[in-house]
């Protein structure tokens, strides 16, 4: 079921981003190995990866701040 969702989302994403058919086919073949589901999963998973990275940075900053303010015991 999720493959169908990613396929449709990838097709929609590439259609909206690249209106030229030749350019869309070239990007699909080059970047996503010819699979629309790869483009769809990229659209969905990229924001989650960014949020996870930012949360990790906040956690590291909080640990460093706590170590500086309260000292290392």
C-alpha atoms as a PDB file:
ATOM      1  CA  UNK A   1       0.000   0.000   0.000  1.00  0.00           C
ATOM      2  CA  UNK A   2       2.766   2.448   0.888  1.00  0.00           C
ATOM      3  CA  UNK A   3       4.526   1.760  -2.407  1.00  0.00           C
ATOM      4  CA  UNK A   4       1.428   2.919  -4.282  1.00  0.00           C
ATOM      5  CA  UNK A   5       1.278   6.035  -2.081  1.00  0.00           C
ATOM      6  CA  UNK A   6       4.959   6.826  -2.631  1.00  0.00           C
ATOM      7  CA  UNK A   7       4.583   6.162  -6.370  1.00  0.00           C
ATOM      8  CA  UNK A   8       1.666   8.573  -6.707  1.00  0.00           C
ATOM      9  CA  UNK A   9       3.343  11.183  -4.530  1.00  0.00           C
ATOM     10  CA  UNK A  10       6.572  10.890  -6.506  1.00  0.00           C
ATOM     11  CA  UNK A  11       4.739  11.221  -9.801  1.00  0.00           C
ATOM     12  CA  UNK A  12       2.915  14.318  -8.533  1.00  0.00           C
ATOM     13  CA  UNK A  13       6.104  15.840  -7.107  1.00  0.00           C
ATOM     14  CA  UNK A  14       8.076  15.381 -10.311  1.00  0.00           C
ATOM     15  CA  UNK A  15       5.172  16.638 -12.415  1.00  0.00           C
ATOM     16  CA  UNK A  16       4.883  19.814 -10.350  1.00  0.00           C
ATOM     17  CA  UNK A  17       8.619  20.393 -10.148  1.00  0.00           C
ATOM     18  CA  UNK A  18       9.555  19.558 -13.746  1.00  0.00           C
ATOM     19  CA  UNK A  19       6.874  20.412 -16.307  1.00  0.00           C
ATOM     20  CA  UNK A  20       9.125  19.456 -19.227  1.00  0.00           C
ATOM     21  CA  UNK A  21       8.662  15.744 -19.942  1.00  0.00           C
ATOM     22  CA  UNK A  22      12.253  15.183 -21.068  1.00  0.00           C
ATOM     23  CA  UNK A  23      13.662  16.910 -17.993  1.00  0.00           C
ATOM     24  CA  UNK A  24      11.318  14.946 -15.717  1.00  0.00           C
ATOM     25  CA  UNK A  25      12.373  11.639 -17.275  1.00  0.00           C
ATOM     26  CA  UNK A  26      16.050  12.600 -17.035  1.00  0.00           C
ATOM     27  CA  UNK A  27      15.758  13.495 -13.337  1.00  0.00           C
ATOM     28  CA  UNK A  28      13.772  10.330 -12.645  1.00  0.00           C
ATOM     29  CA  UNK A  29      16.396   8.147 -14.313  1.00  0.00           C
ATOM     30  CA  UNK A  30      19.413   9.975 -12.871  1.00  0.00           C
ATOM     31  CA  UNK A  31      18.367  10.762  -9.319  1.00  0.00           C
ATOM     32  CA  UNK A  32      15.745   8.134  -8.486  1.00  0.00           C
ATOM     33  CA  UNK A  33      16.918   5.150 -10.595  1.00  0.00           C
ATOM     34  CA  UNK A  34      13.734   5.274 -12.654  1.00  0.00           C
ATOM     35  CA  UNK A  35      11.353   4.725  -9.716  1.00  0.00           C
ATOM     36  CA  UNK A  36       8.639   7.215  -8.845  1.00  0.00           C
ATOM     37  CA  UNK A  37       8.404   5.615  -5.403  1.00  0.00           C
ATOM     38  CA  UNK A  38      11.969   6.772  -4.736  1.00  0.00           C
ATOM     39  CA  UNK A  39      10.963  10.356  -5.450  1.00  0.00           C
ATOM     40  CA  UNK A  40       7.893  10.043  -3.223  1.00  0.00           C
ATOM     41  CA  UNK A  41       9.794   8.569  -0.310  1.00  0.00           C
ATOM     42  CA  UNK A  42      12.421  11.287  -0.704  1.00  0.00           C
ATOM     43  CA  UNK A  43       9.702  13.937  -0.415  1.00  0.00           C
ATOM     44  CA  UNK A  44       8.258  12.339   2.733  1.00  0.00           C
ATOM     45  CA  UNK A  45      11.437  11.266   4.543  1.00  0.00           C
ATOM     46  CA  UNK A  46      13.615  14.336   3.938  1.00  0.00           C
ATOM     47  CA  UNK A  47      11.664  16.587   6.386  1.00  0.00           C
ATOM     48  CA  UNK A  48      11.762  13.876   9.073  1.00  0.00           C
ATOM     49  CA  UNK A  49      15.526  13.555   8.676  1.00  0.00           C
ATOM     50  CA  UNK A  50      15.894  17.326   9.010  1.00  0.00           C
ATOM     51  CA  UNK A  51      13.740  17.400  12.152  1.00  0.00           C
ATOM     52  CA  UNK A  52      15.752  14.543  13.678  1.00  0.00           C
ATOM     53  CA  UNK A  53      19.021  16.319  12.914  1.00  0.00           C
ATOM     54  CA  UNK A  54      17.788  19.565  14.468  1.00  0.00           C
ATOM     55  CA  UNK A  55      16.565  17.759  17.589  1.00  0.00           C
ATOM     56  CA  UNK A  56      19.962  16.118  17.943  1.00  0.00           C
ATOM     57  CA  UNK A  57      21.679  19.507  17.682  1.00  0.00           C
ATOM     58  CA  UNK A  58      19.384  20.946  20.364  1.00  0.00           C
ATOM     59  CA  UNK A  59      20.099  17.972  22.631  1.00  0.00           C
ATOM     60  CA  UNK A  60      23.873  18.340  22.210  1.00  0.00           C
ATOM     61  CA  UNK A  61      23.644  22.097  22.847  1.00  0.00           C
ATOM     62  CA  UNK A  62      21.598  21.459  26.011  1.00  0.00           C
ATOM     63  CA  UNK A  63      24.145  18.930  27.301  1.00  0.00           C
ATOM     64  CA  UNK A  64      27.046  21.309  26.651  1.00  0.00           C
ATOM     65  CA  UNK A  65      25.157  24.197  28.254  1.00  0.00           C
ATOM     66  CA  UNK A  66      24.325  22.083  31.304  1.00  0.00           C
ATOM     67  CA  UNK A  67      27.950  21.003  31.640  1.00  0.00           C
ATOM     68  CA  UNK A  68      29.158  24.604  31.488  1.00  0.00           C
ATOM     69  CA  UNK A  69      26.563  26.074  33.863  1.00  0.00           C
ATOM     70  CA  UNK A  70      26.439  23.266  36.444  1.00  0.00           C
ATOM     71  CA  UNK A  71      29.936  21.932  35.991  1.00  0.00           C
ATOM     72  CA  UNK A  72      30.991  18.406  35.258  1.00  0.00           C
ATOM     73  CA  UNK A  73      30.569  16.223  38.325  1.00  0.00           C
END
